[in-house]
Amino acid sequence: MTALTLLTRSLEQVAWANRRVLDALRGQTDPPPQALRLLAHLLAAEHVWLRRLRGEDAGTLPIWPDWDLNTCEERFMESVEAYRVFLSALSDMGLEEVVTYPNSTGKVFQTSVGDILQHVFSHGAYHRGQIALLMRQAGREPVNTDFITFTRG
């Protein structure tokens, strides 16, 4: 399996996991506010990183937006499709390309496309774990977003 194939599969797992979390929060009469804040953050961060990958300015985009579930749904759908398009146009050699970008404080970094994609996918997993904990603390059953569960169909 090539690195690009693995990253494409990782994107599909991220989309599946984000959908499950979004649906779980939507299914709550009163979802934990911090869980919604974390979901909005991970979706916003995905958008920020995509802008950077495209060589676009992401400096004006919020990292911690105050989005409701409907806005999260819209951003989720936009992000999944945009990442699919981005990955479909990418080659294995393109994963090595270096992107220069400022972070949210203005400090400039250089990172390979492959490393950025890996970060985006693991960043979301980190916050989905936090959301699961918040759901459990609120007395609700969190959804399973493990990669192995995704592979089992």
C-alpha atoms as a PDB file:
ATOM      1  CA  MET A   1       0.000   0.000   0.000  1.00  0.00           C
ATOM      2  CA  THR A   2       1.425   3.378  -0.960  1.00  0.00           C
ATOM      3  CA  ALA A   3       1.586   6.308   1.431  1.00  0.00           C
ATOM      4  CA  LEU A   4      -1.000   8.162  -0.647  1.00  0.00           C
ATOM      5  CA  THR A   5      -3.361   5.182  -0.564  1.00  0.00           C
ATOM      6  CA  LEU A   6      -2.965   4.980   3.207  1.00  0.00           C
ATOM      7  CA  LEU A   7      -3.651   8.702   3.628  1.00  0.00           C
ATOM      8  CA  THR A   8      -6.699   8.464   1.374  1.00  0.00           C
ATOM      9  CA  ARG A   9      -8.015   5.614   3.518  1.00  0.00           C
ATOM     10  CA  SER A  10      -7.258   7.671   6.629  1.00  0.00           C
ATOM     11  CA  LEU A  11      -9.326  10.514   5.200  1.00  0.00           C
ATOM     12  CA  GLU A  12     -12.279   8.177   4.740  1.00  0.00           C
ATOM     13  CA  GLN A  13     -11.947   7.028   8.359  1.00  0.00           C
ATOM     14  CA  VAL A  14     -11.786  10.647   9.534  1.00  0.00           C
ATOM     15  CA  ALA A  15     -14.926  11.465   7.545  1.00  0.00           C
ATOM     16  CA  TRP A  16     -16.691   8.424   8.997  1.00  0.00           C
ATOM     17  CA  ALA A  17     -15.578   9.276  12.555  1.00  0.00           C
ATOM     18  CA  ASN A  18     -16.496  12.959  12.298  1.00  0.00           C
ATOM     19  CA  ARG A  19     -19.912  11.997  10.897  1.00  0.00           C
ATOM     20  CA  ARG A  20     -20.496   9.628  13.828  1.00  0.00           C
ATOM     21  CA  VAL A  21     -19.564  12.306  16.376  1.00  0.00           C
ATOM     22  CA  LEU A  22     -21.677  14.932  14.637  1.00  0.00           C
ATOM     23  CA  ASP A  23     -24.680  12.594  14.537  1.00  0.00           C
ATOM     24  CA  ALA A  24     -24.176  11.623  18.196  1.00  0.00           C
ATOM     25  CA  LEU A  25     -24.135  15.258  19.296  1.00  0.00           C
ATOM     26  CA  ARG A  26     -27.123  16.023  17.081  1.00  0.00           C
ATOM     27  CA  GLY A  27     -28.974  13.137  18.745  1.00  0.00           C
ATOM     28  CA  GLN A  28     -28.615  14.724  22.185  1.00  0.00           C
ATOM     29  CA  THR A  29     -31.272  17.079  23.499  1.00  0.00           C
ATOM     30  CA  ASP A  30     -28.558  19.056  25.247  1.00  0.00           C
ATOM     31  CA  PRO A  31     -25.076  18.072  24.019  1.00  0.00           C
ATOM     32  CA  PRO A  32     -22.184  19.045  26.305  1.00  0.00           C
ATOM     33  CA  PRO A  33     -21.169  22.562  25.183  1.00  0.00           C
ATOM     34  CA  GLN A  34     -17.457  21.735  25.406  1.00  0.00           C
ATOM     35  CA  ALA A  35     -17.999  18.725  23.123  1.00  0.00           C
ATOM     36  CA  LEU A  36     -19.548  20.977  20.483  1.00  0.00           C
ATOM     37  CA  ARG A  37     -16.685  23.467  20.952  1.00  0.00           C
ATOM     38  CA  LEU A  38     -14.133  20.690  20.355  1.00  0.00           C
ATOM     39  CA  LEU A  39     -15.956  19.440  17.266  1.00  0.00           C
ATOM     40  CA  ALA A  40     -16.071  22.976  15.858  1.00  0.00           C
ATOM     41  CA  HIS A  41     -12.357  23.351  16.573  1.00  0.00           C
ATOM     42  CA  LEU A  42     -11.325  20.141  14.857  1.00  0.00           C
ATOM     43  CA  LEU A  43     -13.420  20.996  11.796  1.00  0.00           C
ATOM     44  CA  ALA A  44     -12.044  24.543  11.699  1.00  0.00           C
ATOM     45  CA  ALA A  45      -8.487  23.231  12.001  1.00  0.00           C
ATOM     46  CA  GLU A  46      -9.091  20.863   9.072  1.00  0.00           C
ATOM     47  CA  HIS A  47     -10.127  23.881   7.003  1.00  0.00           C
ATOM     48  CA  VAL A  48      -7.118  25.936   8.121  1.00  0.00           C
ATOM     49  CA  TRP A  49      -4.732  23.137   7.155  1.00  0.00           C
ATOM     50  CA  LEU A  50      -6.407  22.657   3.786  1.00  0.00           C
ATOM     51  CA  ARG A  51      -5.955  26.346   3.015  1.00  0.00           C
ATOM     52  CA  ARG A  52      -2.277  26.031   3.938  1.00  0.00           C
ATOM     53  CA  LEU A  53      -1.895  22.933   1.770  1.00  0.00           C
ATOM     54  CA  ARG A  54      -3.328  24.875  -1.162  1.00  0.00           C
ATOM     55  CA  GLY A  55      -0.902  27.731  -0.548  1.00  0.00           C
ATOM     56  CA  GLU A  56      -3.709  30.030   0.525  1.00  0.00           C
ATOM     57  CA  ASP A  57      -3.755  32.433   3.444  1.00  0.00           C
ATOM     58  CA  ALA A  58      -5.432  30.939   6.498  1.00  0.00           C
ATOM     59  CA  GLY A  59      -4.564  33.777   8.866  1.00  0.00           C
ATOM     60  CA  THR A  60      -8.079  35.155   9.113  1.00  0.00           C
ATOM     61  CA  LEU A  61      -9.751  31.824   9.826  1.00  0.00           C
ATOM     62  CA  PRO A  62     -10.768  31.138  13.418  1.00  0.00           C
ATOM     63  CA  ILE A  63      -9.155  28.198  15.180  1.00  0.00           C
ATOM     64  CA  TRP A  64     -11.751  28.039  17.965  1.00  0.00           C
ATOM     65  CA  PRO A  65     -14.996  29.174  16.286  1.00  0.00           C
ATOM     66  CA  ASP A  66     -18.333  29.392  18.056  1.00  0.00           C
ATOM     67  CA  TRP A  67     -20.306  27.176  15.661  1.00  0.00           C
ATOM     68  CA  ASP A  68     -23.620  25.464  16.217  1.00  0.00           C
ATOM     69  CA  LEU A  69     -24.324  21.937  14.981  1.00  0.00           C
ATOM     70  CA  ASN A  70     -25.736  23.169  11.658  1.00  0.00           C
ATOM     71  CA  THR A  71     -22.576  25.142  10.913  1.00  0.00           C
ATOM     72  CA  CYS A  72     -20.462  22.136  11.950  1.00  0.00           C
ATOM     73  CA  GLU A  73     -22.471  20.014   9.510  1.00  0.00           C
ATOM     74  CA  GLU A  74     -21.835  22.485   6.674  1.00  0.00           C
ATOM     75  CA  ARG A  75     -18.111  22.726   7.417  1.00  0.00           C
ATOM     76  CA  PHE A  76     -17.859  18.951   7.727  1.00  0.00           C
ATOM     77  CA  MET A  77     -19.391  18.398   4.280  1.00  0.00           C
ATOM     78  CA  GLU A  78     -17.190  21.093   2.707  1.00  0.00           C
ATOM     79  CA  SER A  79     -14.048  19.728   4.321  1.00  0.00           C
ATOM     80  CA  VAL A  80     -14.568  16.099   3.344  1.00  0.00           C
ATOM     81  CA  GLU A  81     -15.186  16.954  -0.283  1.00  0.00           C
ATOM     82  CA  ALA A  82     -12.295  19.427  -0.442  1.00  0.00           C
ATOM     83  CA  TYR A  83      -9.835  16.909   1.035  1.00  0.00           C
ATOM     84  CA  ARG A  84     -11.042  14.229  -1.393  1.00  0.00           C
ATOM     85  CA  VAL A  85     -10.408  16.582  -4.306  1.00  0.00           C
ATOM     86  CA  PHE A  86      -7.012  17.569  -2.912  1.00  0.00           C
ATOM     87  CA  LEU A  87      -5.902  13.957  -2.400  1.00  0.00           C
ATOM     88  CA  SER A  88      -7.211  12.831  -5.799  1.00  0.00           C
ATOM     89  CA  ALA A  89      -4.940  15.381  -7.492  1.00  0.00           C
ATOM     90  CA  LEU A  90      -1.912  14.412  -5.393  1.00  0.00           C
ATOM     91  CA  SER A  91       0.835  11.947  -6.293  1.00  0.00           C
ATOM     92  CA  ASP A  92       3.123  10.014  -3.963  1.00  0.00           C
ATOM     93  CA  MET A  93       5.872  12.465  -4.932  1.00  0.00           C
ATOM     94  CA  GLY A  94       3.554  15.325  -3.987  1.00  0.00           C
ATOM     95  CA  LEU A  95       3.552  14.088  -0.406  1.00  0.00           C
ATOM     96  CA  GLU A  96       7.181  15.171  -0.164  1.00  0.00           C
ATOM     97  CA  GLU A  97       6.484  18.720  -1.325  1.00  0.00           C
ATOM     98  CA  VAL A  98       7.211  21.273   1.386  1.00  0.00           C
ATOM     99  CA  VAL A  99       4.592  23.850   2.348  1.00  0.00           C
ATOM    100  CA  THR A 100       5.655  27.139   3.924  1.00  0.00           C
ATOM    101  CA  TYR A 101       2.999  28.732   6.122  1.00  0.00           C
ATOM    102  CA  PRO A 102       2.593  30.927   9.203  1.00  0.00           C
ATOM    103  CA  ASN A 103       0.913  29.384  12.225  1.00  0.00           C
ATOM    104  CA  SER A 104      -1.849  31.193  14.131  1.00  0.00           C
ATOM    105  CA  THR A 105       0.716  33.340  15.972  1.00  0.00           C
ATOM    106  CA  GLY A 106       2.530  34.316  12.765  1.00  0.00           C
ATOM    107  CA  LYS A 107       5.581  32.085  13.180  1.00  0.00           C
ATOM    108  CA  VAL A 108       6.587  30.598   9.807  1.00  0.00           C
ATOM    109  CA  PHE A 109       7.110  26.861   9.392  1.00  0.00           C
ATOM    110  CA  GLN A 110       7.921  24.473   6.569  1.00  0.00           C
ATOM    111  CA  THR A 111       6.311  21.038   6.595  1.00  0.00           C
ATOM    112  CA  SER A 112       5.811  18.330   3.982  1.00  0.00           C
ATOM    113  CA  VAL A 113       2.342  17.726   2.566  1.00  0.00           C
ATOM    114  CA  GLY A 114       2.417  14.142   3.888  1.00  0.00           C
ATOM    115  CA  ASP A 115       3.277  15.268   7.406  1.00  0.00           C
ATOM    116  CA  ILE A 116       0.542  17.902   7.368  1.00  0.00           C
ATOM    117  CA  LEU A 117      -2.026  15.337   6.269  1.00  0.00           C
ATOM    118  CA  GLN A 118      -0.878  12.929   8.974  1.00  0.00           C
ATOM    119  CA  HIS A 119      -1.181  15.728  11.526  1.00  0.00           C
ATOM    120  CA  VAL A 120      -4.696  16.671  10.402  1.00  0.00           C
ATOM    121  CA  PHE A 121      -5.884  13.098  10.770  1.00  0.00           C
ATOM    122  CA  SER A 122      -4.271  12.509  14.175  1.00  0.00           C
ATOM    123  CA  HIS A 123      -5.373  15.930  15.477  1.00  0.00           C
ATOM    124  CA  GLY A 124      -8.984  14.982  14.872  1.00  0.00           C
ATOM    125  CA  ALA A 125      -8.542  11.658  16.656  1.00  0.00           C
ATOM    126  CA  TYR A 126      -7.189  13.482  19.699  1.00  0.00           C
ATOM    127  CA  HIS A 127     -10.215  15.757  19.927  1.00  0.00           C
ATOM    128  CA  ARG A 128     -12.728  13.002  19.168  1.00  0.00           C
ATOM    129  CA  GLY A 129     -11.273  11.206  22.201  1.00  0.00           C
ATOM    130  CA  GLN A 130     -11.862  14.313  24.302  1.00  0.00           C
ATOM    131  CA  ILE A 131     -15.435  14.497  23.019  1.00  0.00           C
ATOM    132  CA  ALA A 132     -15.968  10.841  23.967  1.00  0.00           C
ATOM    133  CA  LEU A 133     -14.753  11.584  27.497  1.00  0.00           C
ATOM    134  CA  LEU A 134     -17.078  14.582  27.798  1.00  0.00           C
ATOM    135  CA  MET A 135     -20.004  12.468  26.611  1.00  0.00           C
ATOM    136  CA  ARG A 136     -19.214   9.784  29.180  1.00  0.00           C
ATOM    137  CA  GLN A 137     -18.843  12.390  31.938  1.00  0.00           C
ATOM    138  CA  ALA A 138     -22.284  13.730  30.986  1.00  0.00           C
ATOM    139  CA  GLY A 139     -23.717  10.229  31.469  1.00  0.00           C
ATOM    140  CA  ARG A 140     -24.023   9.500  27.760  1.00  0.00           C
ATOM    141  CA  GLU A 141     -22.544   6.692  25.726  1.00  0.00           C
ATOM    142  CA  PRO A 142     -19.856   7.968  23.350  1.00  0.00           C
ATOM    143  CA  VAL A 143     -19.634   6.637  19.806  1.00  0.00           C
ATOM    144  CA  ASN A 144     -16.771   4.385  18.809  1.00  0.00           C
ATOM    145  CA  THR A 145     -14.578   6.098  16.218  1.00  0.00           C
ATOM    146  CA  ASP A 146     -11.647   3.678  16.276  1.00  0.00           C
ATOM    147  CA  PHE A 147      -9.976   2.940  12.954  1.00  0.00           C
ATOM    148  CA  ILE A 148     -10.453  -0.806  13.422  1.00  0.00           C
ATOM    149  CA  THR A 149     -14.194  -0.297  13.853  1.00  0.00           C
ATOM    150  CA  PHE A 150     -14.187   1.659  10.588  1.00  0.00           C
ATOM    151  CA  THR A 151     -12.395  -1.193   8.801  1.00  0.00           C
ATOM    152  CA  ARG A 152     -14.962  -3.719   9.986  1.00  0.00           C
ATOM    153  CA  GLY A 153     -17.648  -1.873   8.054  1.00  0.00           C
END
